[in-house]
Amino acid sequence: MELVIYTPKEDGFIQTIEFNKDEIKAYINQNLDKYQGLIYDDSSIKSAKTDRSTLNNFKSALDTKRKEIKNKCLEPYNAFEASIKELIALIDQPLLAIDDQVKDYEARSKAKKRDQALDIYNEIFEDYQEVIGFDSIEDKRWQNTTYNIKDVKSDIEKIYSNIQTGVKIIKDKKSEFETELLDVFFTTRDLDLDLVFRKEVGLKKAKEAMIEAERVKAERLAQQVPKTVEEVKVVVEETKSVVPETTYKEPIEDKRVWFDFSLFLNEREFNELKEWIRENEIKTKKVGK
């Protein structure tokens, strides 16, 4: 069915809108000459406002006529447009219903293709499913009806082969950071392994820095411990029994006497010793070196 325009005929549409353009243009040029380069001072500002109003009125008159002609030209078009939209609305009713069914079919077809691709993945990626999910390797083209399922399987097999190659390269390095390197590779799946090897360099530097920090800390503690122990030489005070000797003879091993000695302890051991001295009410005093 063809849409046929009865009126106006093809040659009946307005081709041009003719008016006295040249006459008006000549009038404008003639009258604008007196405004070119015109300078107004404070005393003539009233004339400036009058000139501005005259030019604005002339400009407004031209633009008003333009809008008037435009509306007249659009009147038949606006009516024609409304009629066409009415016809399109009639077509849209069954079209939308059909479109919904087509979209439903396409959605079911894509879901079916995805399920087939997922089955292939589960079969091939049995060893790596915990570290490489289907979503991370899925190609949206696999869901297209034009994309053959054999090509889908070929794509997944290629991805799996590349992963095996990368894993072998990393394991052959026998790096102490193998687990971390594999994690990076499973995320990037970059066969160039640039990120993997940069990660290894970073881990090595971090370990070396930690070892150096522990060494410095140990040296500092080793220098501090003897000074700490020197300041707290533990001595034991002799204490005689308050019980008269005539009544009770204190065993010699129960007597408290002064002992001078130095202890080589770390900070934790020193703190534990101080706590034991406090709990047992042992007297202490500083002695010379």
C-alpha atoms as a PDB file:
ATOM      1  CA  MET A   1       0.000   0.000   0.000  1.00  0.00           C
ATOM      2  CA  GLU A   2       1.416   3.403  -1.013  1.00  0.00           C
ATOM      3  CA  LEU A   3       0.618   6.733   0.581  1.00  0.00           C
ATOM      4  CA  VAL A   4      -0.619   9.028  -2.215  1.00  0.00           C
ATOM      5  CA  ILE A   5      -0.826  12.812  -1.821  1.00  0.00           C
ATOM      6  CA  TYR A   6      -3.911  14.105  -3.677  1.00  0.00           C
ATOM      7  CA  THR A   7      -3.514  17.783  -3.004  1.00  0.00           C
ATOM      8  CA  PRO A   8      -1.481  19.705  -3.529  1.00  0.00           C
ATOM      9  CA  LYS A   9       0.210  17.863  -6.345  1.00  0.00           C
ATOM     10  CA  GLU A  10       3.956  17.489  -6.240  1.00  0.00           C
ATOM     11  CA  ASP A  11       4.422  20.702  -8.172  1.00  0.00           C
ATOM     12  CA  GLY A  12       1.730  22.379  -6.070  1.00  0.00           C
ATOM     13  CA  PHE A  13       3.830  22.599  -2.908  1.00  0.00           C
ATOM     14  CA  ILE A  14       5.262  26.011  -2.183  1.00  0.00           C
ATOM     15  CA  GLN A  15       8.653  26.109  -3.862  1.00  0.00           C
ATOM     16  CA  THR A  16       9.619  29.642  -2.884  1.00  0.00           C
ATOM     17  CA  ILE A  17       8.175  32.530  -0.926  1.00  0.00           C
ATOM     18  CA  GLU A  18       8.765  35.685  -2.856  1.00  0.00           C
ATOM     19  CA  PHE A  19       8.666  39.181  -1.338  1.00  0.00           C
ATOM     20  CA  ASN A  20      10.205  42.616  -1.874  1.00  0.00           C
ATOM     21  CA  LYS A  21      13.546  41.629  -0.386  1.00  0.00           C
ATOM     22  CA  ASP A  22      15.677  43.877  -2.586  1.00  0.00           C
ATOM     23  CA  GLU A  23      13.511  46.911  -1.885  1.00  0.00           C
ATOM     24  CA  ILE A  24      13.647  46.370   1.879  1.00  0.00           C
ATOM     25  CA  LYS A  25      17.375  45.656   1.767  1.00  0.00           C
ATOM     26  CA  ALA A  26      18.020  48.915  -0.097  1.00  0.00           C
ATOM     27  CA  TYR A  27      15.877  50.785   2.454  1.00  0.00           C
ATOM     28  CA  ILE A  28      17.791  49.241   5.359  1.00  0.00           C
ATOM     29  CA  ASN A  29      21.186  50.044   3.871  1.00  0.00           C
ATOM     30  CA  GLN A  30      20.125  53.615   3.125  1.00  0.00           C
ATOM     31  CA  ASN A  31      18.815  54.228   6.620  1.00  0.00           C
ATOM     32  CA  LEU A  32      21.584  52.373   8.469  1.00  0.00           C
ATOM     33  CA  ASP A  33      24.303  54.569   7.002  1.00  0.00           C
ATOM     34  CA  LYS A  34      23.559  57.325   9.493  1.00  0.00           C
ATOM     35  CA  TYR A  35      24.016  54.861  12.392  1.00  0.00           C
ATOM     36  CA  GLN A  36      27.420  53.496  11.313  1.00  0.00           C
ATOM     37  CA  GLY A  37      30.138  54.759  13.658  1.00  0.00           C
ATOM     38  CA  LEU A  38      27.702  57.024  15.455  1.00  0.00           C
ATOM     39  CA  ILE A  39      28.998  58.122  18.883  1.00  0.00           C
ATOM     40  CA  TYR A  40      26.622  59.278  21.631  1.00  0.00           C
ATOM     41  CA  ASP A  41      27.724  61.337  24.593  1.00  0.00           C
ATOM     42  CA  ASP A  42      25.906  61.878  27.859  1.00  0.00           C
ATOM     43  CA  SER A  43      23.943  64.776  26.461  1.00  0.00           C
ATOM     44  CA  SER A  44      22.657  62.762  23.509  1.00  0.00           C
ATOM     45  CA  ILE A  45      21.769  59.522  25.337  1.00  0.00           C
ATOM     46  CA  LYS A  46      18.079  60.299  24.787  1.00  0.00           C
ATOM     47  CA  SER A  47      18.664  60.206  21.034  1.00  0.00           C
ATOM     48  CA  ALA A  48      20.508  56.886  21.425  1.00  0.00           C
ATOM     49  CA  LYS A  49      17.457  55.362  23.135  1.00  0.00           C
ATOM     50  CA  THR A  50      15.176  56.656  20.382  1.00  0.00           C
ATOM     51  CA  ASP A  51      17.426  55.212  17.660  1.00  0.00           C
ATOM     52  CA  ARG A  52      17.603  51.883  19.462  1.00  0.00           C
ATOM     53  CA  SER A  53      13.804  51.750  19.732  1.00  0.00           C
ATOM     54  CA  THR A  54      13.409  52.559  16.013  1.00  0.00           C
ATOM     55  CA  LEU A  55      15.765  49.760  14.948  1.00  0.00           C
ATOM     56  CA  ASN A  56      14.198  47.247  17.366  1.00  0.00           C
ATOM     57  CA  ASN A  57      10.706  48.012  16.052  1.00  0.00           C
ATOM     58  CA  PHE A  58      11.814  47.523  12.450  1.00  0.00           C
ATOM     59  CA  LYS A  59      13.575  44.253  13.348  1.00  0.00           C
ATOM     60  CA  SER A  60      10.507  43.045  15.280  1.00  0.00           C
ATOM     61  CA  ALA A  61       8.203  43.798  12.352  1.00  0.00           C
ATOM     62  CA  LEU A  62      10.301  41.688   9.993  1.00  0.00           C
ATOM     63  CA  ASP A  63      10.516  38.771  12.459  1.00  0.00           C
ATOM     64  CA  THR A  64       6.787  38.865  13.197  1.00  0.00           C
ATOM     65  CA  LYS A  65       6.055  38.553   9.488  1.00  0.00           C
ATOM     66  CA  ARG A  66       8.455  35.602   9.250  1.00  0.00           C
ATOM     67  CA  LYS A  67       6.608  33.758  12.030  1.00  0.00           C
ATOM     68  CA  GLU A  68       3.248  34.525  10.430  1.00  0.00           C
ATOM     69  CA  ILE A  69       4.280  33.032   7.069  1.00  0.00           C
ATOM     70  CA  LYS A  70       5.860  30.024   8.807  1.00  0.00           C
ATOM     71  CA  ASN A  71       2.637  29.209  10.657  1.00  0.00           C
ATOM     72  CA  LYS A  72       0.620  29.485   7.457  1.00  0.00           C
ATOM     73  CA  CYS A  73       2.982  27.100   5.695  1.00  0.00           C
ATOM     74  CA  LEU A  74       2.840  24.675   8.596  1.00  0.00           C
ATOM     75  CA  GLU A  75      -0.940  24.585   8.912  1.00  0.00           C
ATOM     76  CA  PRO A  76      -1.477  21.909   6.234  1.00  0.00           C
ATOM     77  CA  TYR A  77       1.627  20.031   7.379  1.00  0.00           C
ATOM     78  CA  ASN A  78       0.496  19.930  11.011  1.00  0.00           C
ATOM     79  CA  ALA A  79      -2.872  18.469   9.955  1.00  0.00           C
ATOM     80  CA  PHE A  80      -1.097  15.962   7.719  1.00  0.00           C
ATOM     81  CA  GLU A  81       1.271  14.982  10.530  1.00  0.00           C
ATOM     82  CA  ALA A  82      -1.607  14.346  12.955  1.00  0.00           C
ATOM     83  CA  SER A  83      -3.313  12.080  10.413  1.00  0.00           C
ATOM     84  CA  ILE A  84      -0.139  10.080   9.812  1.00  0.00           C
ATOM     85  CA  LYS A  85       0.426   9.615  13.562  1.00  0.00           C
ATOM     86  CA  GLU A  86      -3.159   8.329  13.878  1.00  0.00           C
ATOM     87  CA  LEU A  87      -2.461   5.678  11.220  1.00  0.00           C
ATOM     88  CA  ILE A  88       0.857   4.735  12.814  1.00  0.00           C
ATOM     89  CA  ALA A  89      -0.906   4.197  16.155  1.00  0.00           C
ATOM     90  CA  LEU A  90      -3.197   1.640  14.477  1.00  0.00           C
ATOM     91  CA  ILE A  91      -0.158  -0.255  13.169  1.00  0.00           C
ATOM     92  CA  ASP A  92       1.625  -0.117  16.539  1.00  0.00           C
ATOM     93  CA  GLN A  93      -1.061  -2.179  18.303  1.00  0.00           C
ATOM     94  CA  PRO A  94      -0.371  -5.526  16.580  1.00  0.00           C
ATOM     95  CA  LEU A  95       3.276  -4.566  15.985  1.00  0.00           C
ATOM     96  CA  LEU A  96       4.009  -4.271  19.706  1.00  0.00           C
ATOM     97  CA  ALA A  97       2.311  -7.605  20.399  1.00  0.00           C
ATOM     98  CA  ILE A  98       4.399  -9.315  17.711  1.00  0.00           C
ATOM     99  CA  ASP A  99       7.553  -7.547  18.920  1.00  0.00           C
ATOM    100  CA  ASP A 100       7.000  -8.881  22.453  1.00  0.00           C
ATOM    101  CA  GLN A 101       6.771 -12.439  21.123  1.00  0.00           C
ATOM    102  CA  VAL A 102       9.905 -12.027  19.006  1.00  0.00           C
ATOM    103  CA  LYS A 103      11.833 -10.621  21.968  1.00  0.00           C
ATOM    104  CA  ASP A 104      10.632 -13.486  24.165  1.00  0.00           C
ATOM    105  CA  TYR A 105      11.826 -16.013  21.600  1.00  0.00           C
ATOM    106  CA  GLU A 106      15.194 -14.287  21.265  1.00  0.00           C
ATOM    107  CA  ALA A 107      15.615 -14.198  25.057  1.00  0.00           C
ATOM    108  CA  ARG A 108      14.832 -17.922  25.315  1.00  0.00           C
ATOM    109  CA  SER A 109      17.231 -18.679  22.450  1.00  0.00           C
ATOM    110  CA  LYS A 110      20.025 -16.715  24.114  1.00  0.00           C
ATOM    111  CA  ALA A 111      19.384 -18.427  27.435  1.00  0.00           C
ATOM    112  CA  LYS A 112      19.533 -21.816  25.715  1.00  0.00           C
ATOM    113  CA  LYS A 113      22.815 -20.938  23.970  1.00  0.00           C
ATOM    114  CA  ARG A 114      24.241 -19.712  27.273  1.00  0.00           C
ATOM    115  CA  ASP A 115      23.253 -22.934  29.009  1.00  0.00           C
ATOM    116  CA  GLN A 116      25.007 -24.900  26.257  1.00  0.00           C
ATOM    117  CA  ALA A 117      28.134 -22.780  26.659  1.00  0.00           C
ATOM    118  CA  LEU A 118      27.956 -23.259  30.440  1.00  0.00           C
ATOM    119  CA  ASP A 119      27.780 -27.047  30.013  1.00  0.00           C
ATOM    120  CA  ILE A 120      30.886 -26.930  27.823  1.00  0.00           C
ATOM    121  CA  TYR A 121      32.640 -24.792  30.416  1.00  0.00           C
ATOM    122  CA  ASN A 122      31.733 -27.173  33.248  1.00  0.00           C
ATOM    123  CA  GLU A 123      33.132 -30.090  31.257  1.00  0.00           C
ATOM    124  CA  ILE A 124      36.397 -28.417  30.207  1.00  0.00           C
ATOM    125  CA  PHE A 125      37.104 -26.224  33.247  1.00  0.00           C
ATOM    126  CA  GLU A 126      36.501 -28.915  35.841  1.00  0.00           C
ATOM    127  CA  ASP A 127      39.936 -28.311  37.439  1.00  0.00           C
ATOM    128  CA  TYR A 128      39.722 -24.512  37.513  1.00  0.00           C
ATOM    129  CA  GLN A 129      36.094 -23.679  38.301  1.00  0.00           C
ATOM    130  CA  GLU A 130      36.926 -22.438  41.813  1.00  0.00           C
ATOM    131  CA  VAL A 131      39.386 -19.837  40.538  1.00  0.00           C
ATOM    132  CA  ILE A 132      37.974 -18.977  37.086  1.00  0.00           C
ATOM    133  CA  GLY A 133      34.220 -18.532  36.906  1.00  0.00           C
ATOM    134  CA  PHE A 134      32.182 -18.844  33.729  1.00  0.00           C
ATOM    135  CA  ASP A 135      31.219 -15.155  33.881  1.00  0.00           C
ATOM    136  CA  SER A 136      34.876 -14.147  33.692  1.00  0.00           C
ATOM    137  CA  ILE A 137      35.447 -15.896  30.342  1.00  0.00           C
ATOM    138  CA  GLU A 138      31.980 -15.571  28.798  1.00  0.00           C
ATOM    139  CA  ASP A 139      31.741 -13.923  25.395  1.00  0.00           C
ATOM    140  CA  LYS A 140      28.332 -12.350  24.706  1.00  0.00           C
ATOM    141  CA  ARG A 141      28.615 -13.429  21.067  1.00  0.00           C
ATOM    142  CA  TRP A 142      28.118 -17.041  22.210  1.00  0.00           C
ATOM    143  CA  GLN A 143      24.428 -16.258  22.807  1.00  0.00           C
ATOM    144  CA  ASN A 144      23.801 -15.179  19.212  1.00  0.00           C
ATOM    145  CA  THR A 145      21.905 -17.668  17.081  1.00  0.00           C
ATOM    146  CA  THR A 146      24.374 -17.012  14.262  1.00  0.00           C
ATOM    147  CA  TYR A 147      27.320 -18.103  16.444  1.00  0.00           C
ATOM    148  CA  ASN A 148      27.785 -21.854  15.957  1.00  0.00           C
ATOM    149  CA  ILE A 149      27.999 -23.947  19.124  1.00  0.00           C
ATOM    150  CA  LYS A 150      31.099 -25.632  17.691  1.00  0.00           C
ATOM    151  CA  ASP A 151      32.786 -22.232  17.597  1.00  0.00           C
ATOM    152  CA  VAL A 152      31.744 -21.661  21.206  1.00  0.00           C
ATOM    153  CA  LYS A 153      33.414 -24.916  22.236  1.00  0.00           C
ATOM    154  CA  SER A 154      36.523 -24.004  20.250  1.00  0.00           C
ATOM    155  CA  ASP A 155      36.726 -20.625  22.034  1.00  0.00           C
ATOM    156  CA  ILE A 156      36.422 -22.200  25.479  1.00  0.00           C
ATOM    157  CA  GLU A 157      39.010 -24.867  24.658  1.00  0.00           C
ATOM    158  CA  LYS A 158      41.429 -22.163  23.526  1.00  0.00           C
ATOM    159  CA  ILE A 159      40.941 -20.204  26.756  1.00  0.00           C
ATOM    160  CA  TYR A 160      41.521 -23.367  28.782  1.00  0.00           C
ATOM    161  CA  SER A 161      44.680 -24.189  26.808  1.00  0.00           C
ATOM    162  CA  ASN A 162      46.069 -20.703  27.420  1.00  0.00           C
ATOM    163  CA  ILE A 163      45.401 -21.027  31.136  1.00  0.00           C
ATOM    164  CA  GLN A 164      47.204 -24.360  31.279  1.00  0.00           C
ATOM    165  CA  THR A 165      50.176 -22.799  29.489  1.00  0.00           C
ATOM    166  CA  GLY A 166      50.315 -19.899  31.937  1.00  0.00           C
ATOM    167  CA  VAL A 167      49.997 -22.169  34.966  1.00  0.00           C
ATOM    168  CA  LYS A 168      52.832 -24.372  33.693  1.00  0.00           C
ATOM    169  CA  ILE A 169      55.126 -21.373  33.173  1.00  0.00           C
ATOM    170  CA  ILE A 170      54.451 -20.133  36.705  1.00  0.00           C
ATOM    171  CA  LYS A 171      54.865 -23.548  38.334  1.00  0.00           C
ATOM    172  CA  ASP A 172      58.104 -24.168  36.432  1.00  0.00           C
ATOM    173  CA  LYS A 173      59.563 -21.052  38.069  1.00  0.00           C
ATOM    174  CA  LYS A 174      59.190 -22.782  41.466  1.00  0.00           C
ATOM    175  CA  SER A 175      58.742 -19.374  43.060  1.00  0.00           C
ATOM    176  CA  GLU A 176      58.159 -19.138  46.795  1.00  0.00           C
ATOM    177  CA  PHE A 177      55.244 -16.826  45.873  1.00  0.00           C
ATOM    178  CA  GLU A 178      53.631 -19.334  43.515  1.00  0.00           C
ATOM    179  CA  THR A 179      50.170 -19.055  45.098  1.00  0.00           C
ATOM    180  CA  GLU A 180      50.140 -15.259  44.812  1.00  0.00           C
ATOM    181  CA  LEU A 181      51.395 -15.376  41.222  1.00  0.00           C
ATOM    182  CA  LEU A 182      48.698 -17.856  40.231  1.00  0.00           C
ATOM    183  CA  ASP A 183      46.051 -15.605  41.776  1.00  0.00           C
ATOM    184  CA  VAL A 184      47.234 -12.709  39.615  1.00  0.00           C
ATOM    185  CA  PHE A 185      47.312 -14.868  36.488  1.00  0.00           C
ATOM    186  CA  PHE A 186      43.822 -16.290  37.071  1.00  0.00           C
ATOM    187  CA  THR A 187      42.544 -12.703  37.325  1.00  0.00           C
ATOM    188  CA  THR A 188      44.329 -11.296  34.265  1.00  0.00           C
ATOM    189  CA  ARG A 189      44.804 -14.465  32.134  1.00  0.00           C
ATOM    190  CA  ASP A 190      47.554 -12.473  30.391  1.00  0.00           C
ATOM    191  CA  LEU A 191      49.885 -14.926  28.683  1.00  0.00           C
ATOM    192  CA  ASP A 192      52.644 -12.305  28.576  1.00  0.00           C
ATOM    193  CA  LEU A 193      52.628 -12.646  32.387  1.00  0.00           C
ATOM    194  CA  ASP A 194      53.917  -9.079  32.771  1.00  0.00           C
ATOM    195  CA  LEU A 195      51.678  -8.367  35.754  1.00  0.00           C
ATOM    196  CA  VAL A 196      52.530 -11.753  37.276  1.00  0.00           C
ATOM    197  CA  PHE A 197      56.268 -11.180  37.138  1.00  0.00           C
ATOM    198  CA  ARG A 198      55.929  -7.591  38.401  1.00  0.00           C
ATOM    199  CA  LYS A 199      53.937  -8.991  41.322  1.00  0.00           C
ATOM    200  CA  GLU A 200      56.760 -11.429  42.100  1.00  0.00           C
ATOM    201  CA  VAL A 201      59.329  -8.621  42.097  1.00  0.00           C
ATOM    202  CA  GLY A 202      57.130  -6.613  44.443  1.00  0.00           C
ATOM    203  CA  LEU A 203      56.674  -9.553  46.824  1.00  0.00           C
ATOM    204  CA  LYS A 204      60.423 -10.206  46.907  1.00  0.00           C
ATOM    205  CA  LYS A 205      61.161  -6.588  47.737  1.00  0.00           C
ATOM    206  CA  ALA A 206      58.489  -6.589  50.443  1.00  0.00           C
ATOM    207  CA  LYS A 207      59.947  -9.757  52.012  1.00  0.00           C
ATOM    208  CA  GLU A 208      63.473  -8.358  51.911  1.00  0.00           C
ATOM    209  CA  ALA A 209      62.265  -5.155  53.543  1.00  0.00           C
ATOM    210  CA  MET A 210      60.483  -7.147  56.286  1.00  0.00           C
ATOM    211  CA  ILE A 211      63.587  -9.262  56.976  1.00  0.00           C
ATOM    212  CA  GLU A 212      65.734  -6.139  57.168  1.00  0.00           C
ATOM    213  CA  ALA A 213      63.261  -4.494  59.540  1.00  0.00           C
ATOM    214  CA  GLU A 214      63.292  -7.576  61.804  1.00  0.00           C
ATOM    215  CA  ARG A 215      67.104  -7.600  61.759  1.00  0.00           C
ATOM    216  CA  VAL A 216      67.312  -3.939  62.747  1.00  0.00           C
ATOM    217  CA  LYS A 217      64.747  -4.493  65.493  1.00  0.00           C
ATOM    218  CA  ALA A 218      66.671  -7.481  66.851  1.00  0.00           C
ATOM    219  CA  GLU A 219      69.916  -5.513  66.902  1.00  0.00           C
ATOM    220  CA  ARG A 220      68.243  -2.647  68.736  1.00  0.00           C
ATOM    221  CA  LEU A 221      66.785  -4.998  71.360  1.00  0.00           C
ATOM    222  CA  ALA A 222      70.128  -6.751  71.770  1.00  0.00           C
ATOM    223  CA  GLN A 223      71.735  -3.401  72.539  1.00  0.00           C
ATOM    224  CA  GLN A 224      69.027  -2.384  74.986  1.00  0.00           C
ATOM    225  CA  VAL A 225      68.593  -5.604  77.016  1.00  0.00           C
ATOM    226  CA  PRO A 226      72.009  -5.642  78.784  1.00  0.00           C
ATOM    227  CA  LYS A 227      71.493  -2.001  79.904  1.00  0.00           C
ATOM    228  CA  THR A 228      68.070  -2.827  81.238  1.00  0.00           C
ATOM    229  CA  VAL A 229      69.321  -5.832  83.161  1.00  0.00           C
ATOM    230  CA  GLU A 230      72.293  -3.887  84.476  1.00  0.00           C
ATOM    231  CA  GLU A 231      69.953  -1.347  86.029  1.00  0.00           C
ATOM    232  CA  VAL A 232      67.877  -3.989  87.824  1.00  0.00           C
ATOM    233  CA  LYS A 233      70.323  -6.430  89.335  1.00  0.00           C
ATOM    234  CA  VAL A 234      68.255  -8.601  91.530  1.00  0.00           C
ATOM    235  CA  VAL A 235      69.407  -9.129  95.118  1.00  0.00           C
ATOM    236  CA  VAL A 236      67.802 -10.991  97.953  1.00  0.00           C
ATOM    237  CA  GLU A 237      67.788  -9.552 101.457  1.00  0.00           C
ATOM    238  CA  GLU A 238      68.599 -11.661 104.460  1.00  0.00           C
ATOM    239  CA  THR A 239      65.670 -11.821 106.829  1.00  0.00           C
ATOM    240  CA  LYS A 240      65.886 -13.338 110.253  1.00  0.00           C
ATOM    241  CA  SER A 241      62.975 -15.062 111.823  1.00  0.00           C
ATOM    242  CA  VAL A 242      61.025 -13.127 114.436  1.00  0.00           C
ATOM    243  CA  VAL A 243      60.646 -16.306 116.422  1.00  0.00           C
ATOM    244  CA  PRO A 244      63.209 -16.487 119.286  1.00  0.00           C
ATOM    245  CA  GLU A 245      65.990 -18.976 118.649  1.00  0.00           C
ATOM    246  CA  THR A 246      65.229 -20.589 121.960  1.00  0.00           C
ATOM    247  CA  THR A 247      61.759 -21.362 120.718  1.00  0.00           C
ATOM    248  CA  TYR A 248      62.339 -22.043 117.025  1.00  0.00           C
ATOM    249  CA  LYS A 249      65.449 -22.768 114.967  1.00  0.00           C
ATOM    250  CA  GLU A 250      64.837 -21.473 111.406  1.00  0.00           C
ATOM    251  CA  PRO A 251      66.187 -23.923 108.802  1.00  0.00           C
ATOM    252  CA  ILE A 252      69.178 -22.385 107.065  1.00  0.00           C
ATOM    253  CA  GLU A 253      67.591 -22.833 103.619  1.00  0.00           C
ATOM    254  CA  ASP A 254      64.657 -20.521 104.636  1.00  0.00           C
ATOM    255  CA  LYS A 255      66.881 -17.582 105.502  1.00  0.00           C
ATOM    256  CA  ARG A 256      67.083 -14.653 103.081  1.00  0.00           C
ATOM    257  CA  VAL A 257      70.502 -13.349 102.216  1.00  0.00           C
ATOM    258  CA  TRP A 258      71.838 -10.854  99.620  1.00  0.00           C
ATOM    259  CA  PHE A 259      72.899 -12.287  96.255  1.00  0.00           C
ATOM    260  CA  ASP A 260      74.601 -10.152  93.650  1.00  0.00           C
ATOM    261  CA  PHE A 261      74.391 -11.362  90.047  1.00  0.00           C
ATOM    262  CA  SER A 262      73.582 -10.180  86.497  1.00  0.00           C
ATOM    263  CA  LEU A 263      70.903 -11.674  84.243  1.00  0.00           C
ATOM    264  CA  PHE A 264      70.873 -11.775  80.430  1.00  0.00           C
ATOM    265  CA  LEU A 265      67.140 -11.529  79.530  1.00  0.00           C
ATOM    266  CA  ASN A 266      64.923 -10.260  76.776  1.00  0.00           C
ATOM    267  CA  GLU A 267      62.240  -7.668  77.527  1.00  0.00           C
ATOM    268  CA  ARG A 268      59.441 -10.193  78.020  1.00  0.00           C
ATOM    269  CA  GLU A 269      61.494 -12.319  80.410  1.00  0.00           C
ATOM    270  CA  PHE A 270      62.591  -9.238  82.324  1.00  0.00           C
ATOM    271  CA  ASN A 271      58.967  -8.117  82.819  1.00  0.00           C
ATOM    272  CA  GLU A 272      57.986 -11.605  84.023  1.00  0.00           C
ATOM    273  CA  LEU A 273      60.890 -11.570  86.515  1.00  0.00           C
ATOM    274  CA  LYS A 274      59.871  -8.174  87.886  1.00  0.00           C
ATOM    275  CA  GLU A 275      56.321  -9.474  88.397  1.00  0.00           C
ATOM    276  CA  TRP A 276      57.621 -12.560  90.285  1.00  0.00           C
ATOM    277  CA  ILE A 277      59.815 -10.359  92.544  1.00  0.00           C
ATOM    278  CA  ARG A 278      56.830  -8.150  93.325  1.00  0.00           C
ATOM    279  CA  GLU A 279      54.512 -11.066  94.100  1.00  0.00           C
ATOM    280  CA  ASN A 280      57.085 -12.670  96.449  1.00  0.00           C
ATOM    281  CA  GLU A 281      57.930  -9.384  98.198  1.00  0.00           C
ATOM    282  CA  ILE A 282      61.594  -9.692  97.375  1.00  0.00           C
ATOM    283  CA  LYS A 283      63.659  -6.646  98.301  1.00  0.00           C
ATOM    284  CA  THR A 284      66.063  -5.247  95.709  1.00  0.00           C
ATOM    285  CA  LYS A 285      68.828  -2.668  95.647  1.00  0.00           C
ATOM    286  CA  LYS A 286      71.240  -1.278  93.118  1.00  0.00           C
ATOM    287  CA  VAL A 287      74.827  -2.439  93.401  1.00  0.00           C
ATOM    288  CA  GLY A 288      78.005  -1.400  91.637  1.00  0.00           C
ATOM    289  CA  LYS A 289      79.166  -3.033  88.431  1.00  0.00           C
END
